[in-house]
N, C-alpha and C. Protein backbone atom coordinates (compact mmCIF):
# COMPACT_ATOMS: atom_id res chain seq x y z
N LYS A 1 -154.26 124.95 -10.59
CA LYS A 1 -154.12 125.31 -9.29
C LYS A 1 -154.40 126.69 -9.00
N ALA A 2 -153.76 127.55 -9.68
CA ALA A 2 -154.30 129.06 -9.57
C ALA A 2 -155.70 129.16 -9.45
N ARG A 3 -156.54 128.53 -10.72
CA ARG A 3 -157.56 128.69 -10.76
C ARG A 3 -158.24 127.56 -9.30
N GLU A 4 -158.25 126.89 -9.23
CA GLU A 4 -158.40 125.77 -7.78
C GLU A 4 -158.56 126.98 -6.98
N SER A 5 -157.25 127.84 -6.70
CA SER A 5 -157.06 128.49 -5.32
C SER A 5 -157.89 129.83 -5.25
N ARG A 6 -158.14 130.28 -6.51
CA ARG A 6 -158.86 131.34 -6.72
C ARG A 6 -160.66 130.96 -6.63
N GLN A 7 -161.07 130.07 -6.42
CA GLN A 7 -162.15 129.49 -6.28
C GLN A 7 -162.35 129.44 -4.62
N GLU A 8 -161.24 129.23 -3.69
CA GLU A 8 -161.21 128.79 -2.52
C GLU A 8 -160.97 130.08 -1.83
N ARG A 9 -160.19 130.72 -2.03
CA ARG A 9 -159.59 131.88 -1.56
C ARG A 9 -159.72 132.92 -2.29
N CYS A 10 -160.36 134.39 -1.12
CA CYS A 10 -160.19 135.34 -1.87
C CYS A 10 -158.64 135.95 -2.45
N PHE A 11 -158.45 136.54 -3.81
CA PHE A 11 -157.19 136.82 -4.17
C PHE A 11 -156.87 138.25 -3.11
N ILE A 12 -158.03 139.15 -2.75
CA ILE A 12 -157.41 140.22 -2.11
C ILE A 12 -156.97 139.99 -0.74
N CYS A 13 -157.91 139.35 0.38
CA CYS A 13 -157.94 139.34 1.37
C CYS A 13 -157.21 138.10 2.01
N ASN A 14 -157.49 136.91 1.05
CA ASN A 14 -156.58 135.30 1.38
C ASN A 14 -157.50 134.75 2.01
N LEU A 15 -158.93 135.29 2.49
CA LEU A 15 -159.49 134.51 3.52
C LEU A 15 -160.52 132.88 2.50
N HIS A 16 -160.47 131.99 3.59
CA HIS A 16 -160.68 131.02 2.76
C HIS A 16 -162.62 131.43 2.44
N ARG A 17 -162.98 130.43 1.62
CA ARG A 17 -164.45 130.71 1.24
C ARG A 17 -165.78 130.53 2.10
N SER A 18 -164.52 129.37 2.69
CA SER A 18 -165.87 128.68 4.06
C SER A 18 -165.94 129.86 5.16
N VAL A 19 -164.97 130.51 5.56
CA VAL A 19 -165.14 131.45 6.40
C VAL A 19 -166.44 132.48 6.11
N PHE A 20 -166.80 132.85 4.80
CA PHE A 20 -168.12 133.79 4.32
C PHE A 20 -169.03 132.77 4.43
N ASP A 21 -168.81 131.78 3.53
CA ASP A 21 -169.95 131.01 3.83
C ASP A 21 -170.33 130.25 4.73
N GLN A 22 -169.70 130.29 5.59
CA GLN A 22 -169.88 129.85 7.51
C GLN A 22 -171.24 131.04 7.84
N ILE A 23 -170.36 132.44 8.04
CA ILE A 23 -171.14 133.46 8.30
C ILE A 23 -172.35 133.88 7.61
N ALA A 24 -172.33 133.29 6.20
CA ALA A 24 -173.74 133.58 5.94
C ALA A 24 -174.64 132.58 5.83
N THR A 25 -174.33 131.43 6.53
CA THR A 25 -175.43 130.40 6.88
C THR A 25 -175.82 131.02 8.48
N ASP A 26 -174.52 131.44 8.88
CA ASP A 26 -175.34 131.82 10.55
C ASP A 26 -176.20 133.09 10.30
N ALA A 27 -175.74 133.72 9.52
CA ALA A 27 -176.27 135.25 8.95
C ALA A 27 -177.95 134.80 8.91
N GLU A 28 -178.37 133.87 8.36
CA GLU A 28 -179.78 133.69 8.07
C GLU A 28 -180.71 133.18 9.34
N HIS A 29 -179.23 132.71 10.14
CA HIS A 29 -180.22 132.51 11.53
C HIS A 29 -180.21 133.64 12.43
N ASN A 30 -179.45 134.51 12.31
CA ASN A 30 -179.12 135.68 13.23
C ASN A 30 -179.72 137.43 12.64
N GLY A 31 -179.78 137.23 11.14
CA GLY A 31 -180.61 138.61 10.50
C GLY A 31 -179.07 139.54 10.03
N SER A 32 -177.99 139.04 10.41
CA SER A 32 -177.10 140.02 9.86
C SER A 32 -176.76 140.46 8.36
N GLY A 33 -177.08 139.66 7.91
CA GLY A 33 -177.16 140.29 6.10
C GLY A 33 -175.72 139.45 5.54
N VAL A 34 -174.75 139.17 6.35
CA VAL A 34 -173.64 138.66 5.54
C VAL A 34 -173.94 137.56 4.41
N ARG A 35 -173.43 137.68 3.62
CA ARG A 35 -173.62 136.90 1.77
C ARG A 35 -172.62 136.39 1.73
N GLY A 36 -172.43 134.62 1.25
CA GLY A 36 -171.17 133.93 1.33
C GLY A 36 -169.86 134.67 0.39
N PHE A 37 -169.15 133.72 -0.06
CA PHE A 37 -167.97 134.03 -0.64
C PHE A 37 -168.46 134.64 -1.89
N GLU A 38 -169.07 134.15 -2.99
CA GLU A 38 -169.30 134.55 -4.12
C GLU A 38 -169.53 136.10 -4.15
N ARG A 39 -170.33 136.92 -3.28
CA ARG A 39 -170.88 138.00 -3.13
C ARG A 39 -169.79 138.72 -2.59
N HIS A 40 -168.81 138.03 -1.55
CA HIS A 40 -167.55 138.66 -1.35
C HIS A 40 -167.14 139.30 -2.30
N ILE A 41 -166.51 138.06 -3.30
CA ILE A 41 -165.22 138.56 -4.77
C ILE A 41 -166.08 139.32 -5.54
N SER A 42 -167.32 139.06 -5.29
CA SER A 42 -168.01 140.03 -6.59
C SER A 42 -168.51 141.55 -6.03
N SER A 43 -168.37 141.72 -4.57
CA SER A 43 -168.79 143.06 -4.70
C SER A 43 -167.96 143.40 -3.04
N GLU A 44 -167.41 143.01 -2.73
CA GLU A 44 -166.54 143.75 -1.62
C GLU A 44 -165.03 143.72 -1.89
N HIS A 45 -164.41 142.73 -2.50
CA HIS A 45 -163.17 142.69 -2.71
C HIS A 45 -163.08 142.05 -4.12
N ILE A 46 -163.13 142.81 -5.13
CA ILE A 46 -163.49 142.59 -6.54
C ILE A 46 -162.10 142.92 -7.25
N MET A 47 -161.47 141.68 -7.74
CA MET A 47 -159.97 141.48 -8.06
C MET A 47 -159.82 142.48 -9.57
N GLU A 48 -160.31 142.75 -10.28
CA GLU A 48 -160.28 143.66 -11.64
C GLU A 48 -160.43 145.14 -10.72
N ALA A 49 -161.40 145.39 -9.76
CA ALA A 49 -161.28 146.63 -9.26
C ALA A 49 -159.60 147.06 -9.10
N TYR A 50 -158.92 145.99 -8.45
CA TYR A 50 -157.66 146.76 -7.64
C TYR A 50 -156.44 146.30 -8.89
N ILE A 51 -156.84 145.58 -9.69
CA ILE A 51 -155.83 145.84 -11.13
C ILE A 51 -155.98 147.12 -12.07
N ASN A 52 -157.47 147.35 -11.63
CA ASN A 52 -157.23 148.70 -12.52
C ASN A 52 -156.85 150.27 -11.83
N TYR A 53 -157.07 149.97 -10.30
CA TYR A 53 -156.18 151.05 -9.07
C TYR A 53 -154.88 150.99 -9.56
N ILE A 54 -154.20 149.59 -9.45
CA ILE A 54 -153.06 149.50 -9.79
C ILE A 54 -152.33 150.21 -11.03
N ILE A 55 -153.13 150.14 -12.36
CA ILE A 55 -152.90 150.80 -13.59
C ILE A 55 -153.27 152.22 -13.60
N TYR A 56 -154.33 152.52 -12.91
CA TYR A 56 -154.24 154.16 -12.37
C TYR A 56 -153.21 154.79 -11.43
N LEU A 57 -152.63 153.90 -10.45
CA LEU A 57 -151.43 154.55 -9.92
C LEU A 57 -150.45 154.50 -10.64
N LYS A 58 -149.85 153.49 -11.55
CA LYS A 58 -148.58 153.73 -12.20
C LYS A 58 -148.81 154.78 -13.17
N ASP A 59 -149.94 155.11 -14.07
CA ASP A 59 -149.89 155.97 -15.00
C ASP A 59 -150.09 157.48 -14.00
N ARG A 60 -150.52 157.18 -13.32
CA ARG A 60 -150.68 158.76 -12.25
C ARG A 60 -149.06 159.34 -11.87
N ASP A 61 -149.07 160.56 -12.41
CA ASP A 61 -147.40 161.36 -11.75
C ASP A 61 -147.80 161.44 -9.90
N PHE A 62 -146.50 161.09 -9.54
CA PHE A 62 -146.56 160.85 -8.06
C PHE A 62 -146.71 162.25 -7.55
N GLN A 63 -146.75 163.60 -7.65
CA GLN A 63 -146.64 164.92 -7.56
C GLN A 63 -148.76 165.00 -7.45
N HIS A 64 -149.07 164.47 -8.42
CA HIS A 64 -150.75 164.94 -8.05
C HIS A 64 -151.26 163.72 -7.16
N CYS A 65 -150.53 162.77 -6.57
CA CYS A 65 -151.37 161.66 -6.26
C CYS A 65 -151.92 162.07 -4.50
N THR A 66 -152.73 161.71 -3.98
CA THR A 66 -153.03 162.25 -2.55
C THR A 66 -152.27 161.40 -1.40
N GLY A 67 -152.15 161.58 -0.35
CA GLY A 67 -151.17 160.66 0.33
C GLY A 67 -151.63 159.12 0.81
N VAL A 68 -152.89 158.78 0.29
CA VAL A 68 -152.79 157.45 0.31
C VAL A 68 -153.04 156.46 -1.18
N GLU A 69 -152.87 157.21 -1.96
CA GLU A 69 -152.39 157.25 -3.52
C GLU A 69 -150.65 156.78 -3.45
N LYS A 70 -150.25 157.81 -2.78
CA LYS A 70 -149.01 157.89 -2.96
C LYS A 70 -148.03 156.57 -2.13
N PHE A 71 -148.43 156.33 -0.83
CA PHE A 71 -148.48 155.01 -0.15
C PHE A 71 -148.45 153.76 -1.02
N CYS A 72 -150.04 153.79 -1.54
CA CYS A 72 -150.26 152.41 -2.21
C CYS A 72 -148.85 152.61 -3.58
N LYS A 73 -148.93 153.67 -4.28
CA LYS A 73 -147.88 153.34 -5.28
C LYS A 73 -146.62 153.11 -4.91
N LYS A 74 -145.83 153.85 -3.86
CA LYS A 74 -144.45 153.07 -3.31
C LYS A 74 -144.78 151.61 -2.88
N GLN A 75 -145.95 151.28 -2.45
CA GLN A 75 -145.73 149.73 -2.07
C GLN A 75 -146.25 148.63 -3.32
N ILE A 76 -146.68 149.20 -4.60
CA ILE A 76 -146.47 148.70 -5.44
C ILE A 76 -144.89 148.74 -6.40
N ALA A 77 -144.45 149.73 -6.11
CA ALA A 77 -143.10 149.81 -6.62
C ALA A 77 -141.91 149.11 -5.84
N GLU A 78 -142.73 148.68 -4.85
CA GLU A 78 -141.71 147.87 -4.07
C GLU A 78 -142.15 146.40 -4.11
N ALA A 79 -142.93 146.15 -4.79
CA ALA A 79 -143.88 144.62 -4.92
C ALA A 79 -144.43 144.41 -4.00
N SER A 80 -144.77 145.21 -2.67
CA SER A 80 -144.99 145.03 -1.33
C SER A 80 -147.28 144.69 -1.28
N THR A 81 -147.15 143.94 -0.99
CA THR A 81 -148.63 143.74 -0.40
C THR A 81 -149.34 144.46 0.68
N LYS A 82 -148.56 145.52 1.37
CA LYS A 82 -148.89 145.80 2.58
C LYS A 82 -149.90 146.53 2.56
N TRP A 83 -150.32 147.21 1.53
CA TRP A 83 -151.68 147.54 1.13
C TRP A 83 -153.03 146.99 1.20
N PHE A 84 -152.22 145.98 1.12
CA PHE A 84 -153.70 144.61 0.56
C PHE A 84 -154.83 144.58 2.06
N PRO A 85 -156.08 144.42 2.51
CA PRO A 85 -156.13 143.95 3.27
C PRO A 85 -156.50 142.60 3.82
N VAL A 86 -155.33 141.73 4.03
CA VAL A 86 -154.99 140.39 4.16
C VAL A 86 -155.47 140.26 5.94
N ASN A 87 -156.45 139.18 5.33
CA ASN A 87 -157.43 138.52 6.58
C ASN A 87 -158.35 139.63 7.32
N LYS A 88 -158.57 140.59 6.20
CA LYS A 88 -159.69 141.29 6.42
C LYS A 88 -160.82 141.51 5.86
N ALA A 89 -161.87 141.88 5.64
CA ALA A 89 -163.25 142.42 5.27
C ALA A 89 -164.36 142.68 6.08
N LYS A 90 -164.57 144.17 5.61
CA LYS A 90 -165.28 145.26 6.11
C LYS A 90 -166.71 144.45 6.79
N SER A 91 -167.07 143.58 5.44
CA SER A 91 -168.56 142.99 5.92
C SER A 91 -168.20 141.83 7.24
N LEU A 92 -167.03 141.23 7.72
CA LEU A 92 -166.88 140.39 8.47
C LEU A 92 -166.61 141.13 9.89
N GLN A 93 -166.27 142.29 9.94
CA GLN A 93 -166.07 143.30 11.17
C GLN A 93 -167.75 143.83 11.38
N ARG A 94 -168.50 144.64 10.16
CA ARG A 94 -169.48 144.74 10.69
C ARG A 94 -170.17 143.65 11.27
N ALA A 95 -170.40 142.20 10.70
CA ALA A 95 -170.96 141.12 11.30
C ALA A 95 -170.15 140.79 12.72
N GLY A 96 -168.78 141.12 12.94
CA GLY A 96 -168.43 140.89 14.70
C GLY A 96 -167.75 139.91 14.78
N VAL A 97 -167.15 138.95 13.38
CA VAL A 97 -166.21 138.07 13.14
C VAL A 97 -164.88 138.66 13.81
N LYS A 98 -164.51 138.24 14.72
CA LYS A 98 -163.11 138.46 14.81
C LYS A 98 -161.96 137.10 14.26
N LEU A 99 -161.23 137.43 13.81
CA LEU A 99 -160.22 136.54 12.72
C LEU A 99 -159.00 136.99 13.59
N ASP A 100 -158.08 135.66 13.99
CA ASP A 100 -156.90 135.53 14.68
C ASP A 100 -155.72 135.54 13.91
């Protein structure tokens, strides 16, 4: 079930693959250049990059963190996902897609 979910939804933004695949299909007609779900999870919301960032922050001394790093480090310590771009993707914003 978890594997099926990862194949249907982005782990980072939780958007369904159909959003990206439909936009990619539309992009072929309007020239916006947005690519589908596979491109999204391999170049925009890369799960491994988020995991590496979490590990990096866990090892980083709080005093040496930037403001953004401190915010994320606190969210991770509280097991919060407020720092994740839920229902957001730059590629969709660039394409003018509005999500409710």
